[in-house]
Structure formats: structure tokens, C-alpha cells
Amino acid sequence: MADYNVALLLGAALSALAALLHLGIILGGPSWYRFFGAGERMATMAQQGKLYPTLLTLGIAAVLAAWAAYALSGAGLLAPLPWLKTGLCVIAAVYLLRGLAIVPLLTIARSKSTPFLVWSSLICLGYGIVHAIGLQQIWSAL
């Protein structure tokens, strides 16, 4: 285990878990879209059998799976992927920015915030911190 970057292994597991959760939402149907905060419009489209919610959610799952692969590559478990340094920087930045995006909402339009937005932001912030720590630990080797 000492040969692998533990923070990026954890980041990979978290991204893979998020990807699997998105696949579960597709299988769970409209009630899962609602529960996980996709909004009534997405849930209604899923209920109507429209393809858009499935394609969008599959796309998100695919991106998250690719992010898991990049974290595994950065951790040393997979061969180096193309643009590994850039990819890991973008992944950490997106997670961190998504996590911090709730701050302006809470300060400017608190009434528009929902428990889902707060929790999902905290989760993304945690994911971003884990990825950033792992990236910092391997920075000189990239």
C-alpha cells in the first residue's frame, strides 16, 4: 500500500461511488431523481419515459468514472493517463468549486438554498479536498 497514494485511492473510490449512485438513480426512476435533488422537471421527464434524464445522468456517471480512473492513475494503480497532471488539477478544481458554490447562495439568497444543495456541496468539498491532498502529494512526480 505504501507504493500507492492513499488520498488519490480514496478519491477514486469516492468518484466511483458517485458514478454508481448516478446509475442507481437511473434504475430507481423518478422518485430517486426527486430524492437526490435532480428537480421536479427531471423527475417528471423520467416518469414520462423521456430519454433526456437517462442520457444526462449516464453522462455524469461516465465523467465520474473517468475521474475515478484518473485518480487511480495518479495514485499509481493504473498506468499514467494522458494529461494526468492537468486532469487531476481540473478534477480537484471542479469538486472544490462545486463545493464552494453554496457560499454565495447562502450569503445572497439563503431562501433558495435547500438541504440537498448544502449536503451535496459539503460532499463535493470533501471530495475536492481529498483529491487536492493527493495531487499535492504527487505533484513533484507528475
C-alpha atoms as a PDB file:
ATOM      1  CA  MET A   1       0.000   0.000   0.000  1.00  0.00           C
ATOM      2  CA  ALA A   2       2.946   2.337   0.625  1.00  0.00           C
ATOM      3  CA  ASP A   3       3.630   2.455  -3.136  1.00  0.00           C
ATOM      4  CA  TYR A   4       0.218   3.987  -3.813  1.00  0.00           C
ATOM      5  CA  ASN A   5      -1.108   7.425  -2.977  1.00  0.00           C
ATOM      6  CA  VAL A   6      -3.807   6.738  -0.381  1.00  0.00           C
ATOM      7  CA  ALA A   7      -5.574  10.080  -0.825  1.00  0.00           C
ATOM      8  CA  LEU A   8      -5.996   9.509  -4.561  1.00  0.00           C
ATOM      9  CA  LEU A   9      -7.104   5.916  -3.958  1.00  0.00           C
ATOM     10  CA  LEU A  10      -9.776   7.319  -1.654  1.00  0.00           C
ATOM     11  CA  GLY A  11     -10.631   9.967  -4.255  1.00  0.00           C
ATOM     12  CA  ALA A  12     -11.018   7.242  -6.875  1.00  0.00           C
ATOM     13  CA  ALA A  13     -13.309   5.261  -4.601  1.00  0.00           C
ATOM     14  CA  LEU A  14     -15.420   8.353  -3.891  1.00  0.00           C
ATOM     15  CA  SER A  15     -15.752   9.228  -7.590  1.00  0.00           C
ATOM     16  CA  ALA A  16     -16.589   5.608  -8.434  1.00  0.00           C
ATOM     17  CA  LEU A  17     -19.212   5.566  -5.675  1.00  0.00           C
ATOM     18  CA  ALA A  18     -20.753   8.751  -7.081  1.00  0.00           C
ATOM     19  CA  ALA A  19     -20.778   7.205 -10.573  1.00  0.00           C
ATOM     20  CA  LEU A  20     -22.538   4.097  -9.270  1.00  0.00           C
ATOM     21  CA  LEU A  21     -25.026   6.255  -7.390  1.00  0.00           C
ATOM     22  CA  HIS A  22     -25.912   8.030 -10.628  1.00  0.00           C
ATOM     23  CA  LEU A  23     -26.522   4.667 -12.300  1.00  0.00           C
ATOM     24  CA  GLY A  24     -28.719   3.747  -9.332  1.00  0.00           C
ATOM     25  CA  ILE A  25     -30.729   6.929  -9.841  1.00  0.00           C
ATOM     26  CA  ILE A  26     -31.487   5.878 -13.401  1.00  0.00           C
ATOM     27  CA  LEU A  27     -32.634   2.463 -12.181  1.00  0.00           C
ATOM     28  CA  GLY A  28     -34.531   3.960  -9.230  1.00  0.00           C
ATOM     29  CA  GLY A  29     -36.572   6.162 -11.518  1.00  0.00           C
ATOM     30  CA  PRO A  30     -38.488   9.368 -10.822  1.00  0.00           C
ATOM     31  CA  SER A  31     -38.582   9.002  -7.044  1.00  0.00           C
ATOM     32  CA  TRP A  32     -34.785   8.706  -6.958  1.00  0.00           C
ATOM     33  CA  TYR A  33     -34.394  11.766  -9.191  1.00  0.00           C
ATOM     34  CA  ARG A  34     -36.553  13.658  -6.700  1.00  0.00           C
ATOM     35  CA  PHE A  35     -34.816  12.299  -3.606  1.00  0.00           C
ATOM     36  CA  PHE A  36     -31.342  13.102  -4.907  1.00  0.00           C
ATOM     37  CA  GLY A  37     -32.270  16.655  -5.845  1.00  0.00           C
ATOM     38  CA  ALA A  38     -32.433  16.495  -9.630  1.00  0.00           C
ATOM     39  CA  GLY A  39     -35.618  18.555  -9.543  1.00  0.00           C
ATOM     40  CA  GLU A  40     -39.219  18.016 -10.414  1.00  0.00           C
ATOM     41  CA  ARG A  41     -38.661  18.675 -14.108  1.00  0.00           C
ATOM     42  CA  MET A  42     -36.125  15.840 -14.414  1.00  0.00           C
ATOM     43  CA  ALA A  43     -38.306  13.521 -12.324  1.00  0.00           C
ATOM     44  CA  THR A  44     -41.348  14.287 -14.484  1.00  0.00           C
ATOM     45  CA  MET A  45     -39.399  13.680 -17.687  1.00  0.00           C
ATOM     46  CA  ALA A  46     -38.166  10.353 -16.275  1.00  0.00           C
ATOM     47  CA  GLN A  47     -41.743   9.491 -15.321  1.00  0.00           C
ATOM     48  CA  GLN A  48     -42.852  10.263 -18.880  1.00  0.00           C
ATOM     49  CA  GLY A  49     -40.192   7.933 -20.232  1.00  0.00           C
ATOM     50  CA  LYS A  50     -38.191  10.694 -21.908  1.00  0.00           C
ATOM     51  CA  LEU A  51     -34.602   9.867 -22.741  1.00  0.00           C
ATOM     52  CA  TYR A  52     -33.028  13.150 -21.598  1.00  0.00           C
ATOM     53  CA  PRO A  53     -32.774  12.364 -17.844  1.00  0.00           C
ATOM     54  CA  THR A  54     -31.218   8.977 -18.568  1.00  0.00           C
ATOM     55  CA  LEU A  55     -28.699  10.358 -21.072  1.00  0.00           C
ATOM     56  CA  LEU A  56     -27.725  13.267 -18.828  1.00  0.00           C
ATOM     57  CA  THR A  57     -27.338  11.032 -15.783  1.00  0.00           C
ATOM     58  CA  LEU A  58     -25.352   8.474 -17.816  1.00  0.00           C
ATOM     59  CA  GLY A  59     -23.091  11.294 -18.982  1.00  0.00           C
ATOM     60  CA  ILE A  60     -22.483  12.406 -15.400  1.00  0.00           C
ATOM     61  CA  ALA A  61     -21.778   8.807 -14.372  1.00  0.00           C
ATOM     62  CA  ALA A  62     -19.302   8.435 -17.255  1.00  0.00           C
ATOM     63  CA  VAL A  63     -17.455  11.615 -16.258  1.00  0.00           C
ATOM     64  CA  LEU A  64     -17.279  10.486 -12.637  1.00  0.00           C
ATOM     65  CA  ALA A  65     -15.993   7.062 -13.734  1.00  0.00           C
ATOM     66  CA  ALA A  66     -13.308   8.748 -15.846  1.00  0.00           C
ATOM     67  CA  TRP A  67     -12.372  10.870 -12.820  1.00  0.00           C
ATOM     68  CA  ALA A  68     -12.042   7.688 -10.767  1.00  0.00           C
ATOM     69  CA  ALA A  69      -9.703   6.289 -13.432  1.00  0.00           C
ATOM     70  CA  TYR A  70      -7.597   9.462 -13.360  1.00  0.00           C
ATOM     71  CA  ALA A  71      -7.347   9.286  -9.574  1.00  0.00           C
ATOM     72  CA  LEU A  72      -6.314   5.619  -9.816  1.00  0.00           C
ATOM     73  CA  SER A  73      -3.696   6.593 -12.383  1.00  0.00           C
ATOM     74  CA  GLY A  74      -2.406   9.386 -10.172  1.00  0.00           C
ATOM     75  CA  ALA A  75      -2.372   7.003  -7.221  1.00  0.00           C
ATOM     76  CA  GLY A  76      -0.083   4.675  -9.158  1.00  0.00           C
ATOM     77  CA  LEU A  77      -2.567   1.838  -9.550  1.00  0.00           C
ATOM     78  CA  LEU A  78      -3.105   2.399 -13.287  1.00  0.00           C
ATOM     79  CA  ALA A  79      -0.603   3.403 -15.953  1.00  0.00           C
ATOM     80  CA  PRO A  80      -0.312   7.169 -16.438  1.00  0.00           C
ATOM     81  CA  LEU A  81      -3.248   8.513 -18.411  1.00  0.00           C
ATOM     82  CA  PRO A  82      -2.892  11.321 -20.970  1.00  0.00           C
ATOM     83  CA  TRP A  83      -2.711  14.816 -19.441  1.00  0.00           C
ATOM     84  CA  LEU A  84      -2.667  13.301 -15.955  1.00  0.00           C
ATOM     85  CA  LYS A  85      -1.438  16.433 -14.180  1.00  0.00           C
ATOM     86  CA  THR A  86      -3.949  18.658 -15.967  1.00  0.00           C
ATOM     87  CA  GLY A  87      -6.738  16.152 -15.470  1.00  0.00           C
ATOM     88  CA  LEU A  88      -6.145  15.828 -11.736  1.00  0.00           C
ATOM     89  CA  CYS A  89      -5.967  19.619 -11.391  1.00  0.00           C
ATOM     90  CA  VAL A  90      -9.270  20.044 -13.235  1.00  0.00           C
ATOM     91  CA  ILE A  91     -10.948  17.278 -11.211  1.00  0.00           C
ATOM     92  CA  ALA A  92      -9.857  18.736  -7.880  1.00  0.00           C
ATOM     93  CA  ALA A  93     -10.834  22.248  -9.013  1.00  0.00           C
ATOM     94  CA  VAL A  94     -14.299  21.203 -10.204  1.00  0.00           C
ATOM     95  CA  TYR A  95     -15.037  19.364  -6.962  1.00  0.00           C
ATOM     96  CA  LEU A  96     -13.752  22.294  -4.872  1.00  0.00           C
ATOM     97  CA  LEU A  97     -15.632  24.918  -6.887  1.00  0.00           C
ATOM     98  CA  ARG A  98     -18.844  22.880  -6.768  1.00  0.00           C
ATOM     99  CA  GLY A  99     -18.375  22.520  -3.030  1.00  0.00           C
ATOM    100  CA  LEU A 100     -17.798  26.226  -2.522  1.00  0.00           C
ATOM    101  CA  ALA A 101     -20.609  27.305  -4.876  1.00  0.00           C
ATOM    102  CA  ILE A 102     -23.062  27.139  -1.989  1.00  0.00           C
ATOM    103  CA  VAL A 103     -21.313  30.017  -0.157  1.00  0.00           C
ATOM    104  CA  PRO A 104     -22.657  32.832  -2.382  1.00  0.00           C
ATOM    105  CA  LEU A 105     -26.098  31.235  -2.349  1.00  0.00           C
ATOM    106  CA  LEU A 106     -26.116  31.093   1.442  1.00  0.00           C
ATOM    107  CA  THR A 107     -24.956  34.693   1.736  1.00  0.00           C
ATOM    108  CA  ILE A 108     -27.030  36.286  -1.035  1.00  0.00           C
ATOM    109  CA  ALA A 109     -30.145  34.160  -1.479  1.00  0.00           C
ATOM    110  CA  ARG A 110     -30.411  31.970   1.594  1.00  0.00           C
ATOM    111  CA  SER A 111     -34.092  31.242   0.872  1.00  0.00           C
ATOM    112  CA  LYS A 112     -33.094  29.491  -2.379  1.00  0.00           C
ATOM    113  CA  SER A 113     -30.803  27.022  -0.630  1.00  0.00           C
ATOM    114  CA  THR A 114     -32.109  23.562   0.104  1.00  0.00           C
ATOM    115  CA  PRO A 115     -30.781  20.835   2.381  1.00  0.00           C
ATOM    116  CA  PHE A 116     -29.800  18.921  -0.773  1.00  0.00           C
ATOM    117  CA  LEU A 117     -27.687  21.838  -2.038  1.00  0.00           C
ATOM    118  CA  VAL A 118     -25.961  22.201   1.313  1.00  0.00           C
ATOM    119  CA  TRP A 119     -25.217  18.487   1.733  1.00  0.00           C
ATOM    120  CA  SER A 120     -24.157  17.931  -1.872  1.00  0.00           C
ATOM    121  CA  SER A 121     -21.870  20.967  -1.632  1.00  0.00           C
ATOM    122  CA  LEU A 122     -20.261  19.636   1.536  1.00  0.00           C
ATOM    123  CA  ILE A 123     -19.785  16.242  -0.108  1.00  0.00           C
ATOM    124  CA  CYS A 124     -18.188  17.817  -3.199  1.00  0.00           C
ATOM    125  CA  LEU A 125     -15.983  19.971  -0.998  1.00  0.00           C
ATOM    126  CA  GLY A 126     -14.807  16.846   0.827  1.00  0.00           C
ATOM    127  CA  TYR A 127     -14.138  15.075  -2.485  1.00  0.00           C
ATOM    128  CA  GLY A 128     -12.190  18.106  -3.688  1.00  0.00           C
ATOM    129  CA  ILE A 129     -10.083  18.283  -0.540  1.00  0.00           C
ATOM    130  CA  VAL A 130      -9.206  14.583  -0.809  1.00  0.00           C
ATOM    131  CA  HIS A 131      -8.210  14.987  -4.471  1.00  0.00           C
ATOM    132  CA  ALA A 132      -6.239  18.164  -3.757  1.00  0.00           C
ATOM    133  CA  ILE A 133      -4.310  16.488  -0.940  1.00  0.00           C
ATOM    134  CA  GLY A 134      -3.466  13.540  -3.187  1.00  0.00           C
ATOM    135  CA  LEU A 135      -2.463  15.842  -6.019  1.00  0.00           C
ATOM    136  CA  GLN A 136      -0.224  17.892  -3.733  1.00  0.00           C
ATOM    137  CA  GLN A 137       1.470  14.704  -2.503  1.00  0.00           C
ATOM    138  CA  ILE A 138       2.393  13.556  -6.040  1.00  0.00           C
ATOM    139  CA  TRP A 139       2.890  16.993  -7.631  1.00  0.00           C
ATOM    140  CA  SER A 140       6.675  16.754  -7.972  1.00  0.00           C
ATOM    141  CA  ALA A 141       6.422  13.299  -9.568  1.00  0.00           C
ATOM    142  CA  LEU A 142       3.998  14.415 -12.290  1.00  0.00           C
END
